[in-house]
Amino acid sequence: MGSNYVRPDAENKGVCVTLKPGEDTAVLLKRFKKKFMKSGILQEYRQRMSYMKPSDKKRRKRRDAERRKKRDALKLEKLKP
C-alpha cells in the first residue's frame, strides 16, 4: 500500500466541479469557491491545527447549537404574517 492508496469503501470528501459547455473559467472558479466554503473543509482544517480540550469542544458545540436555534427562530418569526 503506497501513499496514494485509497480504500474502496472510503468516502470521497473532495470538492469537484465540472466545466459546463460555454461556461467561463471565472464562473467555474466562483462555483468551486462557493462549494468549497459550504463543505466546511477549511474550517475543519483550521480547527485541527491546534489542540482543543474536550471541555472546550463541548462548550463550542453548545454555543453553536444555541446560535443555530436563535437563527432558526428568527427565520420562522419573519415568515409569520
PDB file of N, CA and C in Angstrom:
ATOM      1  N   MET A   1       0.832  -1.187   0.000  1.00  0.00           N
ATOM      2  CA  MET A   1       0.000   0.000   0.000  1.00  0.00           C
ATOM      3  C   MET A   1       0.869   1.241   0.000  1.00  0.00           C
ATOM      4  N   GLY A   2       0.781   1.982  -1.067  1.00  0.00           N
ATOM      5  CA  GLY A   2       1.540   3.216  -1.153  1.00  0.00           C
ATOM      6  C   GLY A   2       0.773   4.377  -0.556  1.00  0.00           C
ATOM      7  N   SER A   3       1.368   5.537  -0.622  1.00  0.00           N
ATOM      8  CA  SER A   3       0.724   6.720  -0.051  1.00  0.00           C
ATOM      9  C   SER A   3      -0.480   7.165  -0.881  1.00  0.00           C
ATOM     10  N   ASN A   4      -0.569   6.709  -2.134  1.00  0.00           N
ATOM     11  CA  ASN A   4      -1.679   7.097  -2.998  1.00  0.00           C
ATOM     12  C   ASN A   4      -2.836   6.113  -2.929  1.00  0.00           C
ATOM     13  N   TYR A   5      -2.741   5.099  -2.087  1.00  0.00           N
ATOM     14  CA  TYR A   5      -3.782   4.085  -1.987  1.00  0.00           C
ATOM     15  C   TYR A   5      -5.032   4.667  -1.349  1.00  0.00           C
ATOM     16  N   VAL A   6      -6.181   4.405  -1.942  1.00  0.00           N
ATOM     17  CA  VAL A   6      -7.459   4.854  -1.397  1.00  0.00           C
ATOM     18  C   VAL A   6      -8.325   3.613  -1.202  1.00  0.00           C
ATOM     19  N   ARG A   7      -8.821   3.448   0.016  1.00  0.00           N
ATOM     20  CA  ARG A   7      -9.686   2.302   0.285  1.00  0.00           C
ATOM     21  C   ARG A   7     -10.932   2.412  -0.567  1.00  0.00           C
ATOM     22  N   PRO A   8     -11.394   1.297  -1.117  1.00  0.00           N
ATOM     23  CA  PRO A   8     -12.595   1.350  -1.961  1.00  0.00           C
ATOM     24  C   PRO A   8     -13.841   1.804  -1.196  1.00  0.00           C
ATOM     25  N   ASP A   9     -13.895   1.524   0.106  1.00  0.00           N
ATOM     26  CA  ASP A   9     -15.054   1.922   0.886  1.00  0.00           C
ATOM     27  C   ASP A   9     -14.904   3.312   1.493  1.00  0.00           C
ATOM     28  N   ALA A  10     -13.773   3.961   1.235  1.00  0.00           N
ATOM     29  CA  ALA A  10     -13.532   5.296   1.803  1.00  0.00           C
ATOM     30  C   ALA A  10     -14.458   6.301   1.133  1.00  0.00           C
ATOM     31  N   GLU A  11     -14.900   7.250   1.917  1.00  0.00           N
ATOM     32  CA  GLU A  11     -15.784   8.292   1.406  1.00  0.00           C
ATOM     33  C   GLU A  11     -14.944   9.377   0.740  1.00  0.00           C
ATOM     34  N   ASN A  12     -15.325   9.778  -0.466  1.00  0.00           N
ATOM     35  CA  ASN A  12     -14.609  10.818  -1.184  1.00  0.00           C
ATOM     36  C   ASN A  12     -15.085  12.167  -0.665  1.00  0.00           C
ATOM     37  N   LYS A  13     -14.208  12.883   0.022  1.00  0.00           N
ATOM     38  CA  LYS A  13     -14.590  14.156   0.625  1.00  0.00           C
ATOM     39  C   LYS A  13     -14.124  15.349  -0.197  1.00  0.00           C
ATOM     40  N   GLY A  14     -13.598  15.110  -1.370  1.00  0.00           N
ATOM     41  CA  GLY A  14     -13.110  16.204  -2.190  1.00  0.00           C
ATOM     42  C   GLY A  14     -14.247  16.992  -2.812  1.00  0.00           C
ATOM     43  N   VAL A  15     -13.964  18.239  -3.161  1.00  0.00           N
ATOM     44  CA  VAL A  15     -14.939  19.096  -3.817  1.00  0.00           C
ATOM     45  C   VAL A  15     -14.642  19.062  -5.300  1.00  0.00           C
ATOM     46  N   CYS A  16     -15.658  18.779  -6.095  1.00  0.00           N
ATOM     47  CA  CYS A  16     -15.448  18.623  -7.528  1.00  0.00           C
ATOM     48  C   CYS A  16     -16.477  19.442  -8.297  1.00  0.00           C
ATOM     49  N   VAL A  17     -16.009  20.171  -9.291  1.00  0.00           N
ATOM     50  CA  VAL A  17     -16.899  20.895 -10.199  1.00  0.00           C
ATOM     51  C   VAL A  17     -16.445  20.590 -11.623  1.00  0.00           C
ATOM     52  N   THR A  18     -17.394  20.546 -12.541  1.00  0.00           N
ATOM     53  CA  THR A  18     -17.059  20.291 -13.940  1.00  0.00           C
ATOM     54  C   THR A  18     -17.426  21.506 -14.775  1.00  0.00           C
ATOM     55  N   LEU A  19     -16.637  21.734 -15.796  1.00  0.00           N
ATOM     56  CA  LEU A  19     -16.854  22.870 -16.678  1.00  0.00           C
ATOM     57  C   LEU A  19     -18.041  22.576 -17.591  1.00  0.00           C
ATOM     58  N   LYS A  20     -19.037  23.424 -17.532  1.00  0.00           N
ATOM     59  CA  LYS A  20     -20.220  23.267 -18.375  1.00  0.00           C
ATOM     60  C   LYS A  20     -19.914  23.836 -19.756  1.00  0.00           C
ATOM     61  N   PRO A  21     -20.563  23.321 -20.783  1.00  0.00           N
ATOM     62  CA  PRO A  21     -20.302  23.840 -22.138  1.00  0.00           C
ATOM     63  C   PRO A  21     -20.589  25.337 -22.228  1.00  0.00           C
ATOM     64  N   GLY A  22     -19.614  26.071 -22.723  1.00  0.00           N
ATOM     65  CA  GLY A  22     -19.764  27.512 -22.896  1.00  0.00           C
ATOM     66  C   GLY A  22     -19.596  28.320 -21.617  1.00  0.00           C
ATOM     67  N   GLU A  23     -19.166  27.665 -20.546  1.00  0.00           N
ATOM     68  CA  GLU A  23     -19.018  28.365 -19.268  1.00  0.00           C
ATOM     69  C   GLU A  23     -17.623  28.977 -19.161  1.00  0.00           C
ATOM     70  N   ASP A  24     -17.561  30.164 -18.612  1.00  0.00           N
ATOM     71  CA  ASP A  24     -16.304  30.869 -18.416  1.00  0.00           C
ATOM     72  C   ASP A  24     -15.587  30.280 -17.201  1.00  0.00           C
ATOM     73  N   THR A  25     -14.259  30.310 -17.222  1.00  0.00           N
ATOM     74  CA  THR A  25     -13.489  29.752 -16.099  1.00  0.00           C
ATOM     75  C   THR A  25     -13.681  30.565 -14.825  1.00  0.00           C
ATOM     76  N   ALA A  26     -13.969  31.860 -14.952  1.00  0.00           N
ATOM     77  CA  ALA A  26     -14.206  32.686 -13.769  1.00  0.00           C
ATOM     78  C   ALA A  26     -15.469  32.224 -13.047  1.00  0.00           C
ATOM     79  N   VAL A  27     -16.489  31.857 -13.803  1.00  0.00           N
ATOM     80  CA  VAL A  27     -17.734  31.361 -13.218  1.00  0.00           C
ATOM     81  C   VAL A  27     -17.497  30.004 -12.570  1.00  0.00           C
ATOM     82  N   LEU A  28     -16.691  29.178 -13.225  1.00  0.00           N
ATOM     83  CA  LEU A  28     -16.346  27.867 -12.680  1.00  0.00           C
ATOM     84  C   LEU A  28     -15.606  28.019 -11.354  1.00  0.00           C
ATOM     85  N   LEU A  29     -14.660  28.931 -11.299  1.00  0.00           N
ATOM     86  CA  LEU A  29     -13.903  29.172 -10.076  1.00  0.00           C
ATOM     87  C   LEU A  29     -14.812  29.686  -8.965  1.00  0.00           C
ATOM     88  N   LYS A  30     -15.747  30.553  -9.303  1.00  0.00           N
ATOM     89  CA  LYS A  30     -16.687  31.085  -8.321  1.00  0.00           C
ATOM     90  C   LYS A  30     -17.551  29.958  -7.753  1.00  0.00           C
ATOM     91  N   ARG A  31     -18.009  29.049  -8.639  1.00  0.00           N
ATOM     92  CA  ARG A  31     -18.807  27.908  -8.203  1.00  0.00           C
ATOM     93  C   ARG A  31     -17.996  26.996  -7.286  1.00  0.00           C
ATOM     94  N   PHE A  32     -16.723  26.784  -7.640  1.00  0.00           N
ATOM     95  CA  PHE A  32     -15.855  25.933  -6.826  1.00  0.00           C
ATOM     96  C   PHE A  32     -15.656  26.532  -5.443  1.00  0.00           C
ATOM     97  N   LYS A  33     -15.375  27.837  -5.381  1.00  0.00           N
ATOM     98  CA  LYS A  33     -15.154  28.502  -4.092  1.00  0.00           C
ATOM     99  C   LYS A  33     -16.382  28.387  -3.201  1.00  0.00           C
ATOM    100  N   LYS A  34     -17.556  28.595  -3.788  1.00  0.00           N
ATOM    101  CA  LYS A  34     -18.800  28.514  -3.029  1.00  0.00           C
ATOM    102  C   LYS A  34     -19.009  27.100  -2.482  1.00  0.00           C
ATOM    103  N   LYS A  35     -18.783  26.102  -3.320  1.00  0.00           N
ATOM    104  CA  LYS A  35     -18.941  24.712  -2.913  1.00  0.00           C
ATOM    105  C   LYS A  35     -17.920  24.346  -1.834  1.00  0.00           C
ATOM    106  N   PHE A  36     -16.708  24.825  -2.000  1.00  0.00           N
ATOM    107  CA  PHE A  36     -15.632  24.544  -1.046  1.00  0.00           C
ATOM    108  C   PHE A  36     -15.942  25.146   0.317  1.00  0.00           C
ATOM    109  N   MET A  37     -16.432  26.375   0.350  1.00  0.00           N
ATOM    110  CA  MET A  37     -16.749  27.021   1.614  1.00  0.00           C
ATOM    111  C   MET A  37     -17.919  26.322   2.313  1.00  0.00           C
ATOM    112  N   LYS A  38     -18.902  25.876   1.540  1.00  0.00           N
ATOM    113  CA  LYS A  38     -20.045  25.179   2.124  1.00  0.00           C
ATOM    114  C   LYS A  38     -19.659  23.805   2.656  1.00  0.00           C
ATOM    115  N   SER A  39     -18.625  23.194   2.091  1.00  0.00           N
ATOM    116  CA  SER A  39     -18.227  21.844   2.511  1.00  0.00           C
ATOM    117  C   SER A  39     -17.641  21.837   3.920  1.00  0.00           C
ATOM    118  N   GLY A  40     -17.058  22.964   4.357  1.00  0.00           N
ATOM    119  CA  GLY A  40     -16.503  23.045   5.708  1.00  0.00           C
ATOM    120  C   GLY A  40     -15.113  22.454   5.843  1.00  0.00           C
ATOM    121  N   ILE A  41     -14.464  22.138   4.744  1.00  0.00           N
ATOM    122  CA  ILE A  41     -13.129  21.531   4.777  1.00  0.00           C
ATOM    123  C   ILE A  41     -12.125  22.484   5.406  1.00  0.00           C
ATOM    124  N   LEU A  42     -12.148  23.731   4.991  1.00  0.00           N
ATOM    125  CA  LEU A  42     -11.200  24.716   5.511  1.00  0.00           C
ATOM    126  C   LEU A  42     -11.424  24.958   6.996  1.00  0.00           C
ATOM    127  N   GLN A  43     -12.669  25.037   7.415  1.00  0.00           N
ATOM    128  CA  GLN A  43     -12.985  25.249   8.827  1.00  0.00           C
ATOM    129  C   GLN A  43     -12.482  24.063   9.658  1.00  0.00           C
ATOM    130  N   GLU A  44     -12.698  22.854   9.166  1.00  0.00           N
ATOM    131  CA  GLU A  44     -12.225  21.671   9.884  1.00  0.00           C
ATOM    132  C   GLU A  44     -10.697  21.652   9.958  1.00  0.00           C
ATOM    133  N   TYR A  45     -10.053  22.030   8.877  1.00  0.00           N
ATOM    134  CA  TYR A  45      -8.597  22.078   8.844  1.00  0.00           C
ATOM    135  C   TYR A  45      -8.062  23.044   9.904  1.00  0.00           C
ATOM    136  N   ARG A  46      -8.663  24.230   9.965  1.00  0.00           N
ATOM    137  CA  ARG A  46      -8.203  25.228  10.939  1.00  0.00           C
ATOM    138  C   ARG A  46      -8.430  24.771  12.372  1.00  0.00           C
ATOM    139  N   GLN A  47      -9.530  24.066  12.614  1.00  0.00           N
ATOM    140  CA  GLN A  47      -9.793  23.560  13.957  1.00  0.00           C
ATOM    141  C   GLN A  47      -8.789  22.486  14.341  1.00  0.00           C
ATOM    142  N   ARG A  48      -8.373  21.675  13.397  1.00  0.00           N
ATOM    143  CA  ARG A  48      -7.432  20.587  13.681  1.00  0.00           C
ATOM    144  C   ARG A  48      -5.988  21.067  13.807  1.00  0.00           C
ATOM    145  N   MET A  49      -5.733  22.304  13.442  1.00  0.00           N
ATOM    146  CA  MET A  49      -4.378  22.838  13.517  1.00  0.00           C
ATOM    147  C   MET A  49      -3.895  22.955  14.957  1.00  0.00           C
ATOM    148  N   SER A  50      -4.807  23.093  15.903  1.00  0.00           N
ATOM    149  CA  SER A  50      -4.403  23.224  17.295  1.00  0.00           C
ATOM    150  C   SER A  50      -5.264  22.312  18.151  1.00  0.00           C
ATOM    151  N   TYR A  51      -4.712  21.913  19.284  1.00  0.00           N
ATOM    152  CA  TYR A  51      -5.426  21.030  20.194  1.00  0.00           C
ATOM    153  C   TYR A  51      -6.514  21.804  20.929  1.00  0.00           C
ATOM    154  N   MET A  52      -7.669  21.163  21.075  1.00  0.00           N
ATOM    155  CA  MET A  52      -8.749  21.766  21.831  1.00  0.00           C
ATOM    156  C   MET A  52      -9.198  20.772  22.897  1.00  0.00           C
ATOM    157  N   LYS A  53      -9.248  21.241  24.125  1.00  0.00           N
ATOM    158  CA  LYS A  53      -9.651  20.382  25.227  1.00  0.00           C
ATOM    159  C   LYS A  53     -11.089  19.903  25.008  1.00  0.00           C
ATOM    160  N   PRO A  54     -11.409  18.699  25.475  1.00  0.00           N
ATOM    161  CA  PRO A  54     -12.770  18.186  25.317  1.00  0.00           C
ATOM    162  C   PRO A  54     -13.831  19.109  25.918  1.00  0.00           C
ATOM    163  N   SER A  55     -13.514  19.742  27.040  1.00  0.00           N
ATOM    164  CA  SER A  55     -14.493  20.650  27.651  1.00  0.00           C
ATOM    165  C   SER A  55     -14.740  21.860  26.751  1.00  0.00           C
ATOM    166  N   ASP A  56     -13.688  22.338  26.084  1.00  0.00           N
ATOM    167  CA  ASP A  56     -13.846  23.464  25.164  1.00  0.00           C
ATOM    168  C   ASP A  56     -14.652  23.052  23.927  1.00  0.00           C
ATOM    169  N   LYS A  57     -14.456  21.806  23.478  1.00  0.00           N
ATOM    170  CA  LYS A  57     -15.225  21.303  22.337  1.00  0.00           C
ATOM    171  C   LYS A  57     -16.710  21.277  22.676  1.00  0.00           C
ATOM    172  N   LYS A  58     -17.028  20.789  23.875  1.00  0.00           N
ATOM    173  CA  LYS A  58     -18.427  20.737  24.302  1.00  0.00           C
ATOM    174  C   LYS A  58     -19.015  22.136  24.376  1.00  0.00           C
ATOM    175  N   ARG A  59     -18.239  23.062  24.931  1.00  0.00           N
ATOM    176  CA  ARG A  59     -18.704  24.445  25.070  1.00  0.00           C
ATOM    177  C   ARG A  59     -18.973  25.051  23.705  1.00  0.00           C
ATOM    178  N   ARG A  60     -18.051  24.834  22.763  1.00  0.00           N
ATOM    179  CA  ARG A  60     -18.215  25.366  21.400  1.00  0.00           C
ATOM    180  C   ARG A  60     -19.439  24.752  20.728  1.00  0.00           C
ATOM    181  N   LYS A  61     -19.595  23.441  20.892  1.00  0.00           N
ATOM    182  CA  LYS A  61     -20.720  22.746  20.273  1.00  0.00           C
ATOM    183  C   LYS A  61     -22.047  23.279  20.813  1.00  0.00           C
ATOM    184  N   ARG A  62     -22.118  23.492  22.129  1.00  0.00           N
ATOM    185  CA  ARG A  62     -23.324  24.016  22.764  1.00  0.00           C
ATOM    186  C   ARG A  62     -23.611  25.437  22.278  1.00  0.00           C
ATOM    187  N   ARG A  63     -22.558  26.254  22.195  1.00  0.00           N
ATOM    188  CA  ARG A  63     -22.722  27.641  21.746  1.00  0.00           C
ATOM    189  C   ARG A  63     -23.218  27.693  20.298  1.00  0.00           C
ATOM    190  N   ASP A  64     -22.634  26.847  19.440  1.00  0.00           N
ATOM    191  CA  ASP A  64     -23.062  26.813  18.046  1.00  0.00           C
ATOM    192  C   ASP A  64     -24.513  26.361  17.906  1.00  0.00           C
ATOM    193  N   ALA A  65     -24.920  25.397  18.733  1.00  0.00           N
ATOM    194  CA  ALA A  65     -26.302  24.922  18.700  1.00  0.00           C
ATOM    195  C   ALA A  65     -27.264  26.035  19.112  1.00  0.00           C
ATOM    196  N   GLU A  66     -26.882  26.798  20.132  1.00  0.00           N
ATOM    197  CA  GLU A  66     -27.721  27.917  20.570  1.00  0.00           C
ATOM    198  C   GLU A  66     -27.849  28.962  19.473  1.00  0.00           C
ATOM    199  N   ARG A  67     -26.760  29.243  18.779  1.00  0.00           N
ATOM    200  CA  ARG A  67     -26.800  30.219  17.682  1.00  0.00           C
ATOM    201  C   ARG A  67     -27.733  29.743  16.569  1.00  0.00           C
ATOM    202  N   ARG A  68     -27.610  28.449  16.212  1.00  0.00           N
ATOM    203  CA  ARG A  68     -28.473  27.902  15.169  1.00  0.00           C
ATOM    204  C   ARG A  68     -29.939  27.985  15.584  1.00  0.00           C
ATOM    205  N   LYS A  69     -30.208  27.672  16.844  1.00  0.00           N
ATOM    206  CA  LYS A  69     -31.581  27.700  17.347  1.00  0.00           C
ATOM    207  C   LYS A  69     -32.154  29.115  17.273  1.00  0.00           C
ATOM    208  N   LYS A  70     -31.372  30.115  17.684  1.00  0.00           N
ATOM    209  CA  LYS A  70     -31.823  31.507  17.617  1.00  0.00           C
ATOM    210  C   LYS A  70     -32.056  31.934  16.173  1.00  0.00           C
ATOM    211  N   ARG A  71     -31.124  31.570  15.293  1.00  0.00           N
ATOM    212  CA  ARG A  71     -31.229  31.942  13.884  1.00  0.00           C
ATOM    213  C   ARG A  71     -32.476  31.322  13.253  1.00  0.00           C
ATOM    214  N   ASP A  72     -32.736  30.048  13.559  1.00  0.00           N
ATOM    215  CA  ASP A  72     -33.913  29.379  13.015  1.00  0.00           C
ATOM    216  C   ASP A  72     -35.200  29.996  13.558  1.00  0.00           C
ATOM    217  N   ALA A  73     -35.178  30.371  14.839  1.00  0.00           N
ATOM    218  CA  ALA A  73     -36.353  31.006  15.437  1.00  0.00           C
ATOM    219  C   ALA A  73     -36.636  32.346  14.759  1.00  0.00           C
ATOM    220  N   LEU A  74     -35.583  33.107  14.462  1.00  0.00           N
ATOM    221  CA  LEU A  74     -35.769  34.399  13.780  1.00  0.00           C
ATOM    222  C   LEU A  74     -36.321  34.204  12.376  1.00  0.00           C
ATOM    223  N   LYS A  75     -35.841  33.174  11.684  1.00  0.00           N
ATOM    224  CA  LYS A  75     -36.347  32.899  10.331  1.00  0.00           C
ATOM    225  C   LYS A  75     -37.824  32.551  10.372  1.00  0.00           C
ATOM    226  N   LEU A  76     -38.224  31.709  11.339  1.00  0.00           N
ATOM    227  CA  LEU A  76     -39.623  31.338  11.475  1.00  0.00           C
ATOM    228  C   LEU A  76     -40.483  32.544  11.823  1.00  0.00           C
ATOM    229  N   GLU A  77     -39.925  33.422  12.667  1.00  0.00           N
ATOM    230  CA  GLU A  77     -40.663  34.619  13.078  1.00  0.00           C
ATOM    231  C   GLU A  77     -40.903  35.549  11.894  1.00  0.00           C
ATOM    232  N   LYS A  78     -39.928  35.643  11.002  1.00  0.00           N
ATOM    233  CA  LYS A  78     -40.063  36.515   9.826  1.00  0.00           C
ATOM    234  C   LYS A  78     -41.083  35.953   8.844  1.00  0.00           C
ATOM    235  N   LEU A  79     -41.225  34.642   8.799  1.00  0.00           N
ATOM    236  CA  LEU A  79     -42.166  34.021   7.857  1.00  0.00           C
ATOM    237  C   LEU A  79     -43.620  34.181   8.299  1.00  0.00           C
ATOM    238  N   LYS A  80     -43.841  34.376   9.591  1.00  0.00           N
ATOM    239  CA  LYS A  80     -45.214  34.527  10.087  1.00  0.00           C
ATOM    240  C   LYS A  80     -45.796  35.864   9.617  1.00  0.00           C
ATOM    241  N   PRO A  81     -47.068  35.851   9.220  1.00  0.00           N
ATOM    242  CA  PRO A  81     -47.685  37.110   8.751  1.00  0.00           C
ATOM    243  C   PRO A  81     -48.013  38.062   9.847  1.00  0.00           C
TER     244      PRO A  81
END
